[in-house]
Amino acid sequence: MNPVKPSNEKEKKRELFRYLGVASTVGINLVISTFIGFALGYYLIDRYFGTFPWFTLVFTLLGIAAGFKFLFKIVSRISKDNNGDSEKGN
């Protein structure tokens, strides 16, 4: 028995849903990493040492940077996947 190859339309739908999943993951990750940075700075350091707003700002910026690092990592992975797919087609 030969397996039936999925049609081109099904592949396009599958790829669309994969990209939507990746996009939602990136958005959630940006929000969560920013919140974690804020929480670490405010609740763990500034409240105990009385240094509010300094560590809150520093850790919030570090959280934002971590979120963007993840974003660039995902974009480069997708770009690499797309370049690999285009080279296979030629």
PDB file of N, CA and C in Angstrom:
ATOM      1  N   MET A   1       0.837  -1.187   0.000  1.00  0.00           N
ATOM      2  CA  MET A   1       0.000   0.000   0.000  1.00  0.00           C
ATOM      3  C   MET A   1       0.879   1.246   0.000  1.00  0.00           C
ATOM      4  N   ASN A   2       0.594   2.102  -0.909  1.00  0.00           N
ATOM      5  CA  ASN A   2       1.309   3.367  -0.964  1.00  0.00           C
ATOM      6  C   ASN A   2       0.546   4.419  -0.170  1.00  0.00           C
ATOM      7  N   PRO A   3       1.235   5.120   0.719  1.00  0.00           N
ATOM      8  CA  PRO A   3       0.529   6.186   1.443  1.00  0.00           C
ATOM      9  C   PRO A   3       0.173   7.325   0.501  1.00  0.00           C
ATOM     10  N   VAL A   4      -0.965   7.894   0.726  1.00  0.00           N
ATOM     11  CA  VAL A   4      -1.428   9.004  -0.097  1.00  0.00           C
ATOM     12  C   VAL A   4      -0.707  10.265   0.338  1.00  0.00           C
ATOM     13  N   LYS A   5      -0.099  10.934  -0.625  1.00  0.00           N
ATOM     14  CA  LYS A   5       0.609  12.173  -0.311  1.00  0.00           C
ATOM     15  C   LYS A   5      -0.407  13.285  -0.094  1.00  0.00           C
ATOM     16  N   PRO A   6      -0.178  14.113   0.929  1.00  0.00           N
ATOM     17  CA  PRO A   6      -1.116  15.223   1.151  1.00  0.00           C
ATOM     18  C   PRO A   6      -1.044  16.227   0.006  1.00  0.00           C
ATOM     19  N   SER A   7      -2.174  16.802  -0.269  1.00  0.00           N
ATOM     20  CA  SER A   7      -2.221  17.775  -1.362  1.00  0.00           C
ATOM     21  C   SER A   7      -1.467  19.038  -0.965  1.00  0.00           C
ATOM     22  N   ASN A   8      -1.164  19.828  -1.956  1.00  0.00           N
ATOM     23  CA  ASN A   8      -0.435  21.075  -1.740  1.00  0.00           C
ATOM     24  C   ASN A   8      -1.234  22.015  -0.849  1.00  0.00           C
ATOM     25  N   GLU A   9      -2.566  21.986  -0.984  1.00  0.00           N
ATOM     26  CA  GLU A   9      -3.417  22.846  -0.165  1.00  0.00           C
ATOM     27  C   GLU A   9      -3.345  22.448   1.307  1.00  0.00           C
ATOM     28  N   LYS A  10      -3.324  21.154   1.580  1.00  0.00           N
ATOM     29  CA  LYS A  10      -3.205  20.695   2.964  1.00  0.00           C
ATOM     30  C   LYS A  10      -1.864  21.089   3.570  1.00  0.00           C
ATOM     31  N   GLU A  11      -0.815  21.008   2.770  1.00  0.00           N
ATOM     32  CA  GLU A  11       0.508  21.416   3.260  1.00  0.00           C
ATOM     33  C   GLU A  11       0.528  22.903   3.592  1.00  0.00           C
ATOM     34  N   LYS A  12      -0.112  23.708   2.768  1.00  0.00           N
ATOM     35  CA  LYS A  12      -0.162  25.144   3.025  1.00  0.00           C
ATOM     36  C   LYS A  12      -0.940  25.449   4.299  1.00  0.00           C
ATOM     37  N   LYS A  13      -2.040  24.732   4.517  1.00  0.00           N
ATOM     38  CA  LYS A  13      -2.814  24.918   5.754  1.00  0.00           C
ATOM     39  C   LYS A  13      -1.995  24.517   6.969  1.00  0.00           C
ATOM     40  N   ARG A  14      -1.317  23.394   6.873  1.00  0.00           N
ATOM     41  CA  ARG A  14      -0.496  22.910   7.972  1.00  0.00           C
ATOM     42  C   ARG A  14       0.612  23.925   8.311  1.00  0.00           C
ATOM     43  N   GLU A  15       1.227  24.474   7.271  1.00  0.00           N
ATOM     44  CA  GLU A  15       2.286  25.463   7.483  1.00  0.00           C
ATOM     45  C   GLU A  15       1.721  26.750   8.094  1.00  0.00           C
ATOM     46  N   LEU A  16       0.530  27.152   7.663  1.00  0.00           N
ATOM     47  CA  LEU A  16      -0.113  28.343   8.218  1.00  0.00           C
ATOM     48  C   LEU A  16      -0.374  28.170   9.706  1.00  0.00           C
ATOM     49  N   PHE A  17      -0.913  27.015  10.102  1.00  0.00           N
ATOM     50  CA  PHE A  17      -1.185  26.770  11.515  1.00  0.00           C
ATOM     51  C   PHE A  17       0.109  26.675  12.327  1.00  0.00           C
ATOM     52  N   ARG A  18       1.152  26.151  11.725  1.00  0.00           N
ATOM     53  CA  ARG A  18       2.436  26.086  12.419  1.00  0.00           C
ATOM     54  C   ARG A  18       2.957  27.498  12.687  1.00  0.00           C
ATOM     55  N   TYR A  19       2.861  28.369  11.691  1.00  0.00           N
ATOM     56  CA  TYR A  19       3.317  29.751  11.878  1.00  0.00           C
ATOM     57  C   TYR A  19       2.444  30.503  12.883  1.00  0.00           C
ATOM     58  N   LEU A  20       1.145  30.235  12.886  1.00  0.00           N
ATOM     59  CA  LEU A  20       0.265  30.867  13.875  1.00  0.00           C
ATOM     60  C   LEU A  20       0.631  30.414  15.288  1.00  0.00           C
ATOM     61  N   GLY A  21       0.952  29.149  15.437  1.00  0.00           N
ATOM     62  CA  GLY A  21       1.386  28.636  16.734  1.00  0.00           C
ATOM     63  C   GLY A  21       2.679  29.277  17.195  1.00  0.00           C
ATOM     64  N   VAL A  22       3.616  29.429  16.281  1.00  0.00           N
ATOM     65  CA  VAL A  22       4.887  30.067  16.626  1.00  0.00           C
ATOM     66  C   VAL A  22       4.662  31.533  16.995  1.00  0.00           C
ATOM     67  N   ALA A  23       3.812  32.224  16.244  1.00  0.00           N
ATOM     68  CA  ALA A  23       3.549  33.637  16.524  1.00  0.00           C
ATOM     69  C   ALA A  23       2.894  33.816  17.895  1.00  0.00           C
ATOM     70  N   SER A  24       1.972  32.944  18.239  1.00  0.00           N
ATOM     71  CA  SER A  24       1.337  33.064  19.557  1.00  0.00           C
ATOM     72  C   SER A  24       2.326  32.741  20.664  1.00  0.00           C
ATOM     73  N   THR A  25       3.218  31.809  20.437  1.00  0.00           N
ATOM     74  CA  THR A  25       4.243  31.472  21.423  1.00  0.00           C
ATOM     75  C   THR A  25       5.168  32.659  21.665  1.00  0.00           C
ATOM     76  N   VAL A  26       5.548  33.343  20.600  1.00  0.00           N
ATOM     77  CA  VAL A  26       6.436  34.498  20.739  1.00  0.00           C
ATOM     78  C   VAL A  26       5.751  35.609  21.526  1.00  0.00           C
ATOM     79  N   GLY A  27       4.500  35.879  21.236  1.00  0.00           N
ATOM     80  CA  GLY A  27       3.774  36.923  21.965  1.00  0.00           C
ATOM     81  C   GLY A  27       3.640  36.610  23.440  1.00  0.00           C
ATOM     82  N   ILE A  28       3.282  35.378  23.734  1.00  0.00           N
ATOM     83  CA  ILE A  28       3.149  34.971  25.136  1.00  0.00           C
ATOM     84  C   ILE A  28       4.494  35.046  25.843  1.00  0.00           C
ATOM     85  N   ASN A  29       5.548  34.615  25.156  1.00  0.00           N
ATOM     86  CA  ASN A  29       6.874  34.631  25.760  1.00  0.00           C
ATOM     87  C   ASN A  29       7.338  36.050  26.069  1.00  0.00           C
ATOM     88  N   LEU A  30       7.067  36.999  25.172  1.00  0.00           N
ATOM     89  CA  LEU A  30       7.455  38.392  25.433  1.00  0.00           C
ATOM     90  C   LEU A  30       6.774  38.927  26.693  1.00  0.00           C
ATOM     91  N   VAL A  31       5.502  38.639  26.848  1.00  0.00           N
ATOM     92  CA  VAL A  31       4.756  39.119  28.014  1.00  0.00           C
ATOM     93  C   VAL A  31       5.244  38.444  29.287  1.00  0.00           C
ATOM     94  N   ILE A  32       5.413  37.139  29.242  1.00  0.00           N
ATOM     95  CA  ILE A  32       5.812  36.401  30.441  1.00  0.00           C
ATOM     96  C   ILE A  32       7.217  36.763  30.879  1.00  0.00           C
ATOM     97  N   SER A  33       8.152  36.880  29.940  1.00  0.00           N
ATOM     98  CA  SER A  33       9.523  37.219  30.333  1.00  0.00           C
ATOM     99  C   SER A  33       9.591  38.631  30.919  1.00  0.00           C
ATOM    100  N   THR A  34       8.812  39.566  30.389  1.00  0.00           N
ATOM    101  CA  THR A  34       8.770  40.907  30.952  1.00  0.00           C
ATOM    102  C   THR A  34       8.188  40.888  32.362  1.00  0.00           C
ATOM    103  N   PHE A  35       7.108  40.138  32.553  1.00  0.00           N
ATOM    104  CA  PHE A  35       6.497  40.040  33.879  1.00  0.00           C
ATOM    105  C   PHE A  35       7.439  39.371  34.886  1.00  0.00           C
ATOM    106  N   ILE A  36       8.129  38.326  34.473  1.00  0.00           N
ATOM    107  CA  ILE A  36       9.059  37.655  35.385  1.00  0.00           C
ATOM    108  C   ILE A  36      10.178  38.596  35.781  1.00  0.00           C
ATOM    109  N   GLY A  37      10.714  39.359  34.832  1.00  0.00           N
ATOM    110  CA  GLY A  37      11.751  40.332  35.166  1.00  0.00           C
ATOM    111  C   GLY A  37      11.244  41.375  36.144  1.00  0.00           C
ATOM    112  N   PHE A  38      10.040  41.874  35.911  1.00  0.00           N
ATOM    113  CA  PHE A  38       9.447  42.849  36.825  1.00  0.00           C
ATOM    114  C   PHE A  38       9.259  42.250  38.211  1.00  0.00           C
ATOM    115  N   ALA A  39       8.710  41.034  38.272  1.00  0.00           N
ATOM    116  CA  ALA A  39       8.434  40.388  39.560  1.00  0.00           C
ATOM    117  C   ALA A  39       9.724  40.130  40.332  1.00  0.00           C
ATOM    118  N   LEU A  40      10.751  39.682  39.652  1.00  0.00           N
ATOM    119  CA  LEU A  40      12.035  39.451  40.331  1.00  0.00           C
ATOM    120  C   LEU A  40      12.589  40.752  40.906  1.00  0.00           C
ATOM    121  N   GLY A  41      12.546  41.794  40.095  1.00  0.00           N
ATOM    122  CA  GLY A  41      13.082  43.071  40.558  1.00  0.00           C
ATOM    123  C   GLY A  41      12.281  43.678  41.683  1.00  0.00           C
ATOM    124  N   TYR A  42      10.970  43.640  41.577  1.00  0.00           N
ATOM    125  CA  TYR A  42      10.133  44.313  42.566  1.00  0.00           C
ATOM    126  C   TYR A  42       9.942  43.475  43.826  1.00  0.00           C
ATOM    127  N   TYR A  43       9.473  42.256  43.656  1.00  0.00           N
ATOM    128  CA  TYR A  43       9.098  41.454  44.825  1.00  0.00           C
ATOM    129  C   TYR A  43      10.292  40.842  45.547  1.00  0.00           C
ATOM    130  N   LEU A  44      11.321  40.437  44.821  1.00  0.00           N
ATOM    131  CA  LEU A  44      12.432  39.755  45.489  1.00  0.00           C
ATOM    132  C   LEU A  44      13.549  40.693  45.948  1.00  0.00           C
ATOM    133  N   ILE A  45      13.758  41.774  45.249  1.00  0.00           N
ATOM    134  CA  ILE A  45      14.901  42.622  45.600  1.00  0.00           C
ATOM    135  C   ILE A  45      14.469  43.954  46.191  1.00  0.00           C
ATOM    136  N   ASP A  46      13.663  44.718  45.464  1.00  0.00           N
ATOM    137  CA  ASP A  46      13.337  46.078  45.907  1.00  0.00           C
ATOM    138  C   ASP A  46      12.526  46.109  47.202  1.00  0.00           C
ATOM    139  N   ARG A  47      11.646  45.180  47.399  1.00  0.00           N
ATOM    140  CA  ARG A  47      10.839  45.198  48.634  1.00  0.00           C
ATOM    141  C   ARG A  47      11.685  44.889  49.863  1.00  0.00           C
ATOM    142  N   TYR A  48      12.690  44.062  49.709  1.00  0.00           N
ATOM    143  CA  TYR A  48      13.506  43.679  50.868  1.00  0.00           C
ATOM    144  C   TYR A  48      14.608  44.685  51.170  1.00  0.00           C
ATOM    145  N   PHE A  49      15.157  45.295  50.142  1.00  0.00           N
ATOM    146  CA  PHE A  49      16.277  46.207  50.346  1.00  0.00           C
ATOM    147  C   PHE A  49      15.889  47.671  50.284  1.00  0.00           C
ATOM    148  N   GLY A  50      14.655  47.968  49.947  1.00  0.00           N
ATOM    149  CA  GLY A  50      14.189  49.349  49.897  1.00  0.00           C
ATOM    150  C   GLY A  50      14.835  50.167  48.789  1.00  0.00           C
ATOM    151  N   THR A  51      15.144  49.528  47.689  1.00  0.00           N
ATOM    152  CA  THR A  51      15.809  50.229  46.581  1.00  0.00           C
ATOM    153  C   THR A  51      14.863  50.520  45.423  1.00  0.00           C
ATOM    154  N   PHE A  52      13.552  50.522  45.714  1.00  0.00           N
ATOM    155  CA  PHE A  52      12.581  50.755  44.645  1.00  0.00           C
ATOM    156  C   PHE A  52      12.897  52.045  43.931  1.00  0.00           C
ATOM    157  N   PRO A  53      12.865  52.137  42.756  1.00  0.00           N
ATOM    158  CA  PRO A  53      12.554  51.597  41.445  1.00  0.00           C
ATOM    159  C   PRO A  53      13.739  50.995  40.712  1.00  0.00           C
ATOM    160  N   TRP A  54      14.937  50.994  41.298  1.00  0.00           N
ATOM    161  CA  TRP A  54      16.139  50.685  40.526  1.00  0.00           C
ATOM    162  C   TRP A  54      16.190  49.238  40.046  1.00  0.00           C
ATOM    163  N   PHE A  55      16.074  48.302  40.940  1.00  0.00           N
ATOM    164  CA  PHE A  55      16.151  46.913  40.504  1.00  0.00           C
ATOM    165  C   PHE A  55      14.908  46.492  39.736  1.00  0.00           C
ATOM    166  N   THR A  56      13.788  47.135  40.013  1.00  0.00           N
ATOM    167  CA  THR A  56      12.591  46.861  39.226  1.00  0.00           C
ATOM    168  C   THR A  56      12.832  47.233  37.772  1.00  0.00           C
ATOM    169  N   LEU A  57      13.408  48.394  37.540  1.00  0.00           N
ATOM    170  CA  LEU A  57      13.705  48.826  36.172  1.00  0.00           C
ATOM    171  C   LEU A  57      14.735  47.927  35.511  1.00  0.00           C
ATOM    172  N   VAL A  58      15.788  47.604  36.234  1.00  0.00           N
ATOM    173  CA  VAL A  58      16.860  46.782  35.661  1.00  0.00           C
ATOM    174  C   VAL A  58      16.331  45.403  35.271  1.00  0.00           C
ATOM    175  N   PHE A  59      15.607  44.761  36.175  1.00  0.00           N
ATOM    176  CA  PHE A  59      15.128  43.415  35.879  1.00  0.00           C
ATOM    177  C   PHE A  59      13.992  43.418  34.858  1.00  0.00           C
ATOM    178  N   THR A  60      13.208  44.469  34.803  1.00  0.00           N
ATOM    179  CA  THR A  60      12.195  44.566  33.754  1.00  0.00           C
ATOM    180  C   THR A  60      12.861  44.678  32.390  1.00  0.00           C
ATOM    181  N   LEU A  61      13.913  45.498  32.301  1.00  0.00           N
ATOM    182  CA  LEU A  61      14.646  45.612  31.037  1.00  0.00           C
ATOM    183  C   LEU A  61      15.325  44.298  30.663  1.00  0.00           C
ATOM    184  N   LEU A  62      15.850  43.584  31.658  1.00  0.00           N
ATOM    185  CA  LEU A  62      16.444  42.278  31.377  1.00  0.00           C
ATOM    186  C   LEU A  62      15.385  41.286  30.886  1.00  0.00           C
ATOM    187  N   GLY A  63      14.189  41.346  31.454  1.00  0.00           N
ATOM    188  CA  GLY A  63      13.103  40.486  30.993  1.00  0.00           C
ATOM    189  C   GLY A  63      12.701  40.799  29.564  1.00  0.00           C
ATOM    190  N   ILE A  64      12.632  42.083  29.232  1.00  0.00           N
ATOM    191  CA  ILE A  64      12.312  42.487  27.861  1.00  0.00           C
ATOM    192  C   ILE A  64      13.400  42.006  26.908  1.00  0.00           C
ATOM    193  N   ALA A  65      14.654  42.154  27.320  1.00  0.00           N
ATOM    194  CA  ALA A  65      15.770  41.691  26.481  1.00  0.00           C
ATOM    195  C   ALA A  65      15.712  40.181  26.273  1.00  0.00           C
ATOM    196  N   ALA A  66      15.372  39.441  27.311  1.00  0.00           N
ATOM    197  CA  ALA A  66      15.259  37.982  27.175  1.00  0.00           C
ATOM    198  C   ALA A  66      14.132  37.615  26.212  1.00  0.00           C
ATOM    199  N   GLY A  67      13.027  38.350  26.273  1.00  0.00           N
ATOM    200  CA  GLY A  67      11.922  38.095  25.351  1.00  0.00           C
ATOM    201  C   GLY A  67      12.316  38.360  23.910  1.00  0.00           C
ATOM    202  N   PHE A  68      13.039  39.444  23.671  1.00  0.00           N
ATOM    203  CA  PHE A  68      13.467  39.750  22.311  1.00  0.00           C
ATOM    204  C   PHE A  68      14.545  38.784  21.834  1.00  0.00           C
ATOM    205  N   LYS A  69      15.375  38.300  22.744  1.00  0.00           N
ATOM    206  CA  LYS A  69      16.362  37.290  22.364  1.00  0.00           C
ATOM    207  C   LYS A  69      15.652  36.043  21.862  1.00  0.00           C
ATOM    208  N   PHE A  70      14.604  35.632  22.565  1.00  0.00           N
ATOM    209  CA  PHE A  70      13.813  34.487  22.123  1.00  0.00           C
ATOM    210  C   PHE A  70      13.166  34.772  20.775  1.00  0.00           C
ATOM    211  N   LEU A  71      12.650  35.981  20.592  1.00  0.00           N
ATOM    212  CA  LEU A  71      12.034  36.368  19.325  1.00  0.00           C
ATOM    213  C   LEU A  71      13.027  36.236  18.176  1.00  0.00           C
ATOM    214  N   PHE A  72      14.236  36.766  18.336  1.00  0.00           N
ATOM    215  CA  PHE A  72      15.236  36.698  17.279  1.00  0.00           C
ATOM    216  C   PHE A  72      15.675  35.253  17.023  1.00  0.00           C
ATOM    217  N   LYS A  73      15.715  34.445  18.071  1.00  0.00           N
ATOM    218  CA  LYS A  73      16.069  33.035  17.914  1.00  0.00           C
ATOM    219  C   LYS A  73      15.021  32.318  17.063  1.00  0.00           C
ATOM    220  N   ILE A  74      13.763  32.573  17.329  1.00  0.00           N
ATOM    221  CA  ILE A  74      12.684  31.947  16.562  1.00  0.00           C
ATOM    222  C   ILE A  74      12.688  32.431  15.116  1.00  0.00           C
ATOM    223  N   VAL A  75      12.881  33.728  14.916  1.00  0.00           N
ATOM    224  CA  VAL A  75      12.895  34.276  13.558  1.00  0.00           C
ATOM    225  C   VAL A  75      14.053  33.697  12.753  1.00  0.00           C
ATOM    226  N   SER A  76      15.220  33.572  13.374  1.00  0.00           N
ATOM    227  CA  SER A  76      16.352  33.006  12.646  1.00  0.00           C
ATOM    228  C   SER A  76      16.117  31.535  12.326  1.00  0.00           C
ATOM    229  N   ARG A  77      15.461  30.806  13.236  1.00  0.00           N
ATOM    230  CA  ARG A  77      15.150  29.399  12.976  1.00  0.00           C
ATOM    231  C   ARG A  77      14.162  29.274  11.823  1.00  0.00           C
ATOM    232  N   ILE A  78      13.145  30.134  11.789  1.00  0.00           N
ATOM    233  CA  ILE A  78      12.171  30.091  10.697  1.00  0.00           C
ATOM    234  C   ILE A  78      12.838  30.474   9.380  1.00  0.00           C
ATOM    235  N   SER A  79      13.693  31.483   9.436  1.00  0.00           N
ATOM    236  CA  SER A  79      14.403  31.907   8.239  1.00  0.00           C
ATOM    237  C   SER A  79      15.290  30.787   7.713  1.00  0.00           C
ATOM    238  N   LYS A  80      15.965  30.095   8.623  1.00  0.00           N
ATOM    239  CA  LYS A  80      16.820  28.982   8.222  1.00  0.00           C
ATOM    240  C   LYS A  80      15.984  27.861   7.613  1.00  0.00           C
ATOM    241  N   ASP A  81      14.814  27.580   8.205  1.00  0.00           N
ATOM    242  CA  ASP A  81      13.924  26.550   7.671  1.00  0.00           C
ATOM    243  C   ASP A  81      13.448  26.925   6.276  1.00  0.00           C
ATOM    244  N   ASN A  82      13.079  28.185   6.081  1.00  0.00           N
ATOM    245  CA  ASN A  82      12.588  28.617   4.771  1.00  0.00           C
ATOM    246  C   ASN A  82      13.688  28.572   3.720  1.00  0.00           C
ATOM    247  N   ASN A  83      14.905  28.949   4.094  1.00  0.00           N
ATOM    248  CA  ASN A  83      16.016  28.883   3.148  1.00  0.00           C
ATOM    249  C   ASN A  83      16.335  27.441   2.800  1.00  0.00           C
ATOM    250  N   GLY A  84      16.233  26.551   3.759  1.00  0.00           N
ATOM    251  CA  GLY A  84      16.467  25.137   3.493  1.00  0.00           C
ATOM    252  C   GLY A  84      15.414  24.561   2.578  1.00  0.00           C
ATOM    253  N   ASP A  85      14.153  24.975   2.760  1.00  0.00           N
ATOM    254  CA  ASP A  85      13.075  24.492   1.911  1.00  0.00           C
ATOM    255  C   ASP A  85      13.239  24.995   0.475  1.00  0.00           C
ATOM    256  N   SER A  86      13.656  26.247   0.295  1.00  0.00           N
ATOM    257  CA  SER A  86      13.795  26.795  -1.052  1.00  0.00           C
ATOM    258  C   SER A  86      14.965  26.146  -1.780  1.00  0.00           C
ATOM    259  N   GLU A  87      16.019  25.764  -1.031  1.00  0.00           N
ATOM    260  CA  GLU A  87      17.156  25.101  -1.677  1.00  0.00           C
ATOM    261  C   GLU A  87      16.790  23.686  -2.080  1.00  0.00           C
ATOM    262  N   LYS A  88      15.914  23.023  -1.317  1.00  0.00           N
ATOM    263  CA  LYS A  88      15.497  21.671  -1.660  1.00  0.00           C
ATOM    264  C   LYS A  88      14.657  21.666  -2.931  1.00  0.00           C
ATOM    265  N   GLY A  89      13.880  22.730  -3.121  1.00  0.00           N
ATOM    266  CA  GLY A  89      12.984  22.797  -4.285  1.00  0.00           C
ATOM    267  C   GLY A  89      13.721  23.026  -5.582  1.00  0.00           C
ATOM    268  N   ASN A  90      14.927  23.549  -5.556  1.00  0.00           N
ATOM    269  CA  ASN A  90      15.678  23.857  -6.782  1.00  0.00           C
ATOM    270  C   ASN A  90      16.416  22.682  -7.303  1.00  0.00           C
TER     271      ASN A  90
END
